[in-house]
PDB file of N, CA and C in Angstrom:
ATOM      1  N   MET A   1     -90.383-121.104 149.312  1.00  0.00           N
ATOM      2  CA  MET A   1     -91.423-121.606 150.194  1.00  0.00           C
ATOM      3  C   MET A   1     -90.877-121.644 151.625  1.00  0.00           C
ATOM      4  N   ALA A   2     -91.377-120.795 152.470  1.00  0.00           N
ATOM      5  CA  ALA A   2     -90.946-120.743 153.864  1.00  0.00           C
ATOM      6  C   ALA A   2     -91.816-121.662 154.714  1.00  0.00           C
ATOM      7  N   THR A   3     -91.162-122.455 155.543  1.00  0.00           N
ATOM      8  CA  THR A   3     -91.903-123.366 156.416  1.00  0.00           C
ATOM      9  C   THR A   3     -91.500-123.159 157.865  1.00  0.00           C
ATOM     10  N   ILE A   4     -92.402-123.508 158.725  1.00  0.00           N
ATOM     11  CA  ILE A   4     -92.148-123.486 160.163  1.00  0.00           C
ATOM     12  C   ILE A   4     -92.297-124.918 160.653  1.00  0.00           C
ATOM     13  N   THR A   5     -91.253-125.453 161.235  1.00  0.00           N
ATOM     14  CA  THR A   5     -91.322-126.807 161.773  1.00  0.00           C
ATOM     15  C   THR A   5     -91.729-126.728 163.233  1.00  0.00           C
ATOM     16  N   CYS A   6     -92.776-127.439 163.568  1.00  0.00           N
ATOM     17  CA  CYS A   6     -93.246-127.458 164.949  1.00  0.00           C
ATOM     18  C   CYS A   6     -93.587-128.892 165.346  1.00  0.00           C
ATOM     19  N   ARG A   7     -93.764-129.102 166.615  1.00  0.00           N
ATOM     20  CA  ARG A   7     -94.189-130.414 167.103  1.00  0.00           C
ATOM     21  C   ARG A   7     -95.661-130.317 167.455  1.00  0.00           C
ATOM     22  N   VAL A   8     -96.420-131.336 167.054  1.00  0.00           N
ATOM     23  CA  VAL A   8     -97.874-131.319 167.248  1.00  0.00           C
ATOM     24  C   VAL A   8     -98.298-132.520 168.085  1.00  0.00           C
ATOM     25  N   GLN A   9     -99.319-132.317 168.886  1.00  0.00           N
ATOM     26  CA  GLN A   9     -99.818-133.382 169.744  1.00  0.00           C
ATOM     27  C   GLN A   9    -101.270-133.082 170.090  1.00  0.00           C
ATOM     28  N   TYR A  10    -102.048-134.117 170.309  1.00  0.00           N
ATOM     29  CA  TYR A  10    -103.426-133.907 170.727  1.00  0.00           C
ATOM     30  C   TYR A  10    -103.620-134.461 172.124  1.00  0.00           C
ATOM     31  N   LEU A  11    -104.630-133.987 172.779  1.00  0.00           N
ATOM     32  CA  LEU A  11    -104.980-134.467 174.108  1.00  0.00           C
ATOM     33  C   LEU A  11    -106.456-134.824 174.091  1.00  0.00           C
ATOM     34  N   GLU A  12    -106.763-136.074 174.348  1.00  0.00           N
ATOM     35  CA  GLU A  12    -108.153-136.527 174.402  1.00  0.00           C
ATOM     36  C   GLU A  12    -108.711-136.140 175.762  1.00  0.00           C
ATOM     37  N   ASP A  13    -109.515-135.089 175.789  1.00  0.00           N
ATOM     38  CA  ASP A  13    -110.051-134.614 177.064  1.00  0.00           C
ATOM     39  C   ASP A  13    -111.567-134.419 177.009  1.00  0.00           C
ATOM     40  N   SER A  14    -112.243-135.241 176.184  1.00  0.00           N
ATOM     41  CA  SER A  14    -113.695-135.090 176.069  1.00  0.00           C
ATOM     42  C   SER A  14    -114.397-135.425 177.379  1.00  0.00           C
ATOM     43  N   ASP A  15    -113.804-136.320 178.179  1.00  0.00           N
ATOM     44  CA  ASP A  15    -114.354-136.626 179.502  1.00  0.00           C
ATOM     45  C   ASP A  15    -113.172-136.725 180.469  1.00  0.00           C
ATOM     46  N   PRO A  16    -112.793-135.620 181.109  1.00  0.00           N
ATOM     47  CA  PRO A  16    -111.583-135.603 181.942  1.00  0.00           C
ATOM     48  C   PRO A  16    -111.673-136.451 183.207  1.00  0.00           C
ATOM     49  N   PHE A  17    -112.863-136.925 183.576  1.00  0.00           N
ATOM     50  CA  PHE A  17    -112.998-137.700 184.799  1.00  0.00           C
ATOM     51  C   PHE A  17    -112.935-139.203 184.578  1.00  0.00           C
ATOM     52  N   VAL A  18    -112.805-139.630 183.327  1.00  0.00           N
ATOM     53  CA  VAL A  18    -112.661-141.048 183.034  1.00  0.00           C
ATOM     54  C   VAL A  18    -111.186-141.412 183.200  1.00  0.00           C
ATOM     55  N   CYS A  19    -110.918-142.440 183.940  1.00  0.00           N
ATOM     56  CA  CYS A  19    -109.532-142.842 184.210  1.00  0.00           C
ATOM     57  C   CYS A  19    -109.135-144.008 183.311  1.00  0.00           C
ATOM     58  N   THR A  20    -109.018-143.753 182.023  1.00  0.00           N
ATOM     59  CA  THR A  20    -108.550-144.770 181.086  1.00  0.00           C
ATOM     60  C   THR A  20    -107.288-144.271 180.422  1.00  0.00           C
ATOM     61  N   ASN A  21    -106.584-145.165 179.819  1.00  0.00           N
ATOM     62  CA  ASN A  21    -105.320-144.828 179.187  1.00  0.00           C
ATOM     63  C   ASN A  21    -105.541-144.597 177.696  1.00  0.00           C
ATOM     64  N   PHE A  22    -105.318-143.386 177.208  1.00  0.00           N
ATOM     65  CA  PHE A  22    -105.487-143.069 175.801  1.00  0.00           C
ATOM     66  C   PHE A  22    -104.145-143.226 175.085  1.00  0.00           C
ATOM     67  N   PRO A  23    -104.167-143.734 173.858  1.00  0.00           N
ATOM     68  CA  PRO A  23    -102.914-143.932 173.115  1.00  0.00           C
ATOM     69  C   PRO A  23    -102.376-142.630 172.522  1.00  0.00           C
ATOM     70  N   GLU A  24    -101.842-141.793 173.363  1.00  0.00           N
ATOM     71  CA  GLU A  24    -101.267-140.534 172.900  1.00  0.00           C
ATOM     72  C   GLU A  24     -99.763-140.727 172.669  1.00  0.00           C
ATOM     73  N   PRO A  25     -99.214-140.036 171.698  1.00  0.00           N
ATOM     74  CA  PRO A  25     -97.779-140.198 171.428  1.00  0.00           C
ATOM     75  C   PRO A  25     -96.934-139.697 172.599  1.00  0.00           C
ATOM     76  N   ARG A  26     -95.849-140.389 172.860  1.00  0.00           N
ATOM     77  CA  ARG A  26     -94.958-139.964 173.949  1.00  0.00           C
ATOM     78  C   ARG A  26     -94.212-138.690 173.592  1.00  0.00           C
ATOM     79  N   ARG A  27     -93.731-138.627 172.381  1.00  0.00           N
ATOM     80  CA  ARG A  27     -93.034-137.423 171.928  1.00  0.00           C
ATOM     81  C   ARG A  27     -93.771-136.892 170.700  1.00  0.00           C
ATOM     82  N   PRO A  28     -94.170-135.631 170.723  1.00  0.00           N
ATOM     83  CA  PRO A  28     -94.922-135.090 169.597  1.00  0.00           C
ATOM     84  C   PRO A  28     -94.108-135.146 168.300  1.00  0.00           C
ATOM     85  N   PRO A  29     -94.713-135.612 167.203  1.00  0.00           N
ATOM     86  CA  PRO A  29     -93.989-135.660 165.928  1.00  0.00           C
ATOM     87  C   PRO A  29     -93.841-134.268 165.327  1.00  0.00           C
ATOM     88  N   PRO A  30     -92.786-134.055 164.554  1.00  0.00           N
ATOM     89  CA  PRO A  30     -92.619-132.753 163.895  1.00  0.00           C
ATOM     90  C   PRO A  30     -93.545-132.636 162.684  1.00  0.00           C
ATOM     91  N   TYR A  31     -93.957-131.417 162.393  1.00  0.00           N
ATOM     92  CA  TYR A  31     -94.803-131.152 161.225  1.00  0.00           C
ATOM     93  C   TYR A  31     -94.378-129.805 160.649  1.00  0.00           C
ATOM     94  N   ASP A  32     -94.249-129.740 159.334  1.00  0.00           N
ATOM     95  CA  ASP A  32     -93.855-128.498 158.659  1.00  0.00           C
ATOM     96  C   ASP A  32     -95.093-127.736 158.201  1.00  0.00           C
ATOM     97  N   LEU A  33     -95.247-126.532 158.710  1.00  0.00           N
ATOM     98  CA  LEU A  33     -96.343-125.654 158.289  1.00  0.00           C
ATOM     99  C   LEU A  33     -95.806-124.658 157.276  1.00  0.00           C
ATOM    100  N   ASP A  34     -96.522-124.501 156.189  1.00  0.00           N
ATOM    101  CA  ASP A  34     -96.126-123.572 155.134  1.00  0.00           C
ATOM    102  C   ASP A  34     -96.688-122.189 155.452  1.00  0.00           C
ATOM    103  N   GLU A  35     -95.834-121.192 155.505  1.00  0.00           N
ATOM    104  CA  GLU A  35     -96.262-119.825 155.820  1.00  0.00           C
ATOM    105  C   GLU A  35     -97.183-119.227 154.757  1.00  0.00           C
ATOM    106  N   ASN A  36     -97.121-119.730 153.538  1.00  0.00           N
ATOM    107  CA  ASN A  36     -97.895-119.168 152.430  1.00  0.00           C
ATOM    108  C   ASN A  36     -99.261-119.826 152.263  1.00  0.00           C
ATOM    109  N   ILE A  37     -99.584-120.832 153.078  1.00  0.00           N
ATOM    110  CA  ILE A  37    -100.872-121.521 153.008  1.00  0.00           C
ATOM    111  C   ILE A  37    -101.610-121.261 154.319  1.00  0.00           C
ATOM    112  N   ALA A  38    -102.895-120.967 154.201  1.00  0.00           N
ATOM    113  CA  ALA A  38    -103.698-120.698 155.398  1.00  0.00           C
ATOM    114  C   ALA A  38    -103.670-121.900 156.335  1.00  0.00           C
ATOM    115  N   LEU A  39    -103.592-121.624 157.629  1.00  0.00           N
ATOM    116  CA  LEU A  39    -103.515-122.684 158.630  1.00  0.00           C
ATOM    117  C   LEU A  39    -104.715-123.626 158.545  1.00  0.00           C
ATOM    118  N   ILE A  40    -105.892-123.101 158.282  1.00  0.00           N
ATOM    119  CA  ILE A  40    -107.095-123.919 158.204  1.00  0.00           C
ATOM    120  C   ILE A  40    -106.977-124.978 157.105  1.00  0.00           C
ATOM    121  N   GLU A  41    -106.213-124.700 156.065  1.00  0.00           N
ATOM    122  CA  GLU A  41    -106.015-125.653 154.979  1.00  0.00           C
ATOM    123  C   GLU A  41    -104.983-126.720 155.325  1.00  0.00           C
ATOM    124  N   GLN A  42    -104.210-126.521 156.381  1.00  0.00           N
ATOM    125  CA  GLN A  42    -103.178-127.471 156.772  1.00  0.00           C
ATOM    126  C   GLN A  42    -103.595-128.360 157.943  1.00  0.00           C
ATOM    127  N   ILE A  43    -104.720-128.053 158.560  1.00  0.00           N
ATOM    128  CA  ILE A  43    -105.172-128.804 159.732  1.00  0.00           C
ATOM    129  C   ILE A  43    -105.443-130.273 159.400  1.00  0.00           C
ATOM    130  N   ALA A  44    -105.985-130.552 158.227  1.00  0.00           N
ATOM    131  CA  ALA A  44    -106.274-131.936 157.844  1.00  0.00           C
ATOM    132  C   ALA A  44    -105.002-132.792 157.828  1.00  0.00           C
ATOM    133  N   GLY A  45    -103.899-132.222 157.371  1.00  0.00           N
ATOM    134  CA  GLY A  45    -102.627-132.945 157.360  1.00  0.00           C
ATOM    135  C   GLY A  45    -102.123-133.239 158.762  1.00  0.00           C
ATOM    136  N   VAL A  46    -102.289-132.280 159.668  1.00  0.00           N
ATOM    137  CA  VAL A  46    -101.892-132.474 161.066  1.00  0.00           C
ATOM    138  C   VAL A  46    -102.763-133.559 161.701  1.00  0.00           C
ATOM    139  N   HIS A  47    -104.057-133.510 161.439  1.00  0.00           N
ATOM    140  CA  HIS A  47    -104.999-134.494 161.984  1.00  0.00           C
ATOM    141  C   HIS A  47    -104.640-135.899 161.508  1.00  0.00           C
ATOM    142  N   LYS A  48    -104.296-136.030 160.243  1.00  0.00           N
ATOM    143  CA  LYS A  48    -103.928-137.338 159.684  1.00  0.00           C
ATOM    144  C   LYS A  48    -102.623-137.842 160.296  1.00  0.00           C
ATOM    145  N   LEU A  49    -101.652-136.971 160.456  1.00  0.00           N
ATOM    146  CA  LEU A  49    -100.371-137.348 161.058  1.00  0.00           C
ATOM    147  C   LEU A  49    -100.559-137.894 162.467  1.00  0.00           C
ATOM    148  N   LEU A  50    -101.411-137.250 163.239  1.00  0.00           N
ATOM    149  CA  LEU A  50    -101.627-137.645 164.633  1.00  0.00           C
ATOM    150  C   LEU A  50    -102.537-138.854 164.784  1.00  0.00           C
ATOM    151  N   GLU A  51    -103.270-139.181 163.720  1.00  0.00           N
ATOM    152  CA  GLU A  51    -104.274-140.243 163.798  1.00  0.00           C
ATOM    153  C   GLU A  51    -105.216-139.980 164.978  1.00  0.00           C
ATOM    154  N   ALA A  52    -105.614-138.729 165.105  1.00  0.00           N
ATOM    155  CA  ALA A  52    -106.482-138.309 166.200  1.00  0.00           C
ATOM    156  C   ALA A  52    -107.863-138.951 166.057  1.00  0.00           C
ATOM    157  N   PRO A  53    -108.453-139.393 167.182  1.00  0.00           N
ATOM    158  CA  PRO A  53    -109.732-140.094 167.122  1.00  0.00           C
ATOM    159  C   PRO A  53    -110.934-139.182 166.891  1.00  0.00           C
ATOM    160  N   LEU A  54    -110.793-137.894 167.150  1.00  0.00           N
ATOM    161  CA  LEU A  54    -111.919-136.975 167.008  1.00  0.00           C
ATOM    162  C   LEU A  54    -111.969-136.407 165.594  1.00  0.00           C
ATOM    163  N   LYS A  55    -113.183-136.153 165.111  1.00  0.00           N
ATOM    164  CA  LYS A  55    -113.353-135.608 163.773  1.00  0.00           C
ATOM    165  C   LYS A  55    -113.039-134.113 163.757  1.00  0.00           C
ATOM    166  N   VAL A  56    -112.535-133.650 162.626  1.00  0.00           N
ATOM    167  CA  VAL A  56    -112.307-132.217 162.428  1.00  0.00           C
ATOM    168  C   VAL A  56    -113.562-131.661 161.789  1.00  0.00           C
ATOM    169  N   THR A  57    -114.164-130.676 162.444  1.00  0.00           N
ATOM    170  CA  THR A  57    -115.352-130.026 161.877  1.00  0.00           C
ATOM    171  C   THR A  57    -115.074-128.534 161.763  1.00  0.00           C
ATOM    172  N   LEU A  58    -115.532-127.962 160.690  1.00  0.00           N
ATOM    173  CA  LEU A  58    -115.340-126.533 160.459  1.00  0.00           C
ATOM    174  C   LEU A  58    -116.688-125.849 160.503  1.00  0.00           C
ATOM    175  N   ARG A  59    -116.752-124.757 161.231  1.00  0.00           N
ATOM    176  CA  ARG A  59    -117.982-123.959 161.299  1.00  0.00           C
ATOM    177  C   ARG A  59    -117.749-122.683 160.522  1.00  0.00           C
ATOM    178  N   SER A  60    -118.677-122.344 159.664  1.00  0.00           N
ATOM    179  CA  SER A  60    -118.505-121.160 158.827  1.00  0.00           C
ATOM    180  C   SER A  60    -118.464-119.879 159.646  1.00  0.00           C
ATOM    181  N   ASP A  61    -119.201-119.821 160.777  1.00  0.00           N
ATOM    182  CA  ASP A  61    -119.173-118.601 161.588  1.00  0.00           C
ATOM    183  C   ASP A  61    -117.828-118.392 162.266  1.00  0.00           C
ATOM    184  N   SER A  62    -117.129-119.482 162.608  1.00  0.00           N
ATOM    185  CA  SER A  62    -115.817-119.338 163.239  1.00  0.00           C
ATOM    186  C   SER A  62    -114.774-118.918 162.211  1.00  0.00           C
ATOM    187  N   LEU A  63    -114.949-119.339 160.961  1.00  0.00           N
ATOM    188  CA  LEU A  63    -114.007-118.942 159.921  1.00  0.00           C
ATOM    189  C   LEU A  63    -114.149-117.471 159.587  1.00  0.00           C
ATOM    190  N   SER A  64    -115.366-116.987 159.478  1.00  0.00           N
ATOM    191  CA  SER A  64    -115.562-115.593 159.097  1.00  0.00           C
ATOM    192  C   SER A  64    -115.128-114.627 160.194  1.00  0.00           C
ATOM    193  N   SER A  65    -115.264-115.044 161.457  1.00  0.00           N
ATOM    194  CA  SER A  65    -114.873-114.144 162.537  1.00  0.00           C
ATOM    195  C   SER A  65    -113.362-114.061 162.712  1.00  0.00           C
ATOM    196  N   SER A  66    -112.628-115.096 162.222  1.00  0.00           N
ATOM    197  CA  SER A  66    -111.183-115.078 162.398  1.00  0.00           C
ATOM    198  C   SER A  66    -110.463-114.380 161.245  1.00  0.00           C
ATOM    199  N   LEU A  67    -111.195-114.044 160.186  1.00  0.00           N
ATOM    200  CA  LEU A  67    -110.555-113.405 159.027  1.00  0.00           C
ATOM    201  C   LEU A  67    -110.457-111.937 159.169  1.00  0.00           C
TER     202      LEU A  67
END
């Protein structure tokens, strides 16, 4: 099982003109991505690790165009 270790981070930019402080991590945490599993299947794990406030939504048209 080959993995790629990377650092992941999110940026809350839904309204870039609001001057509030968002609780973003100072240093991105590491996450291991498995080369043998499709990235779309691993996104939920990354989202959970980051405790990101935005929902993950999948559109079927975006999936079919990327394959």
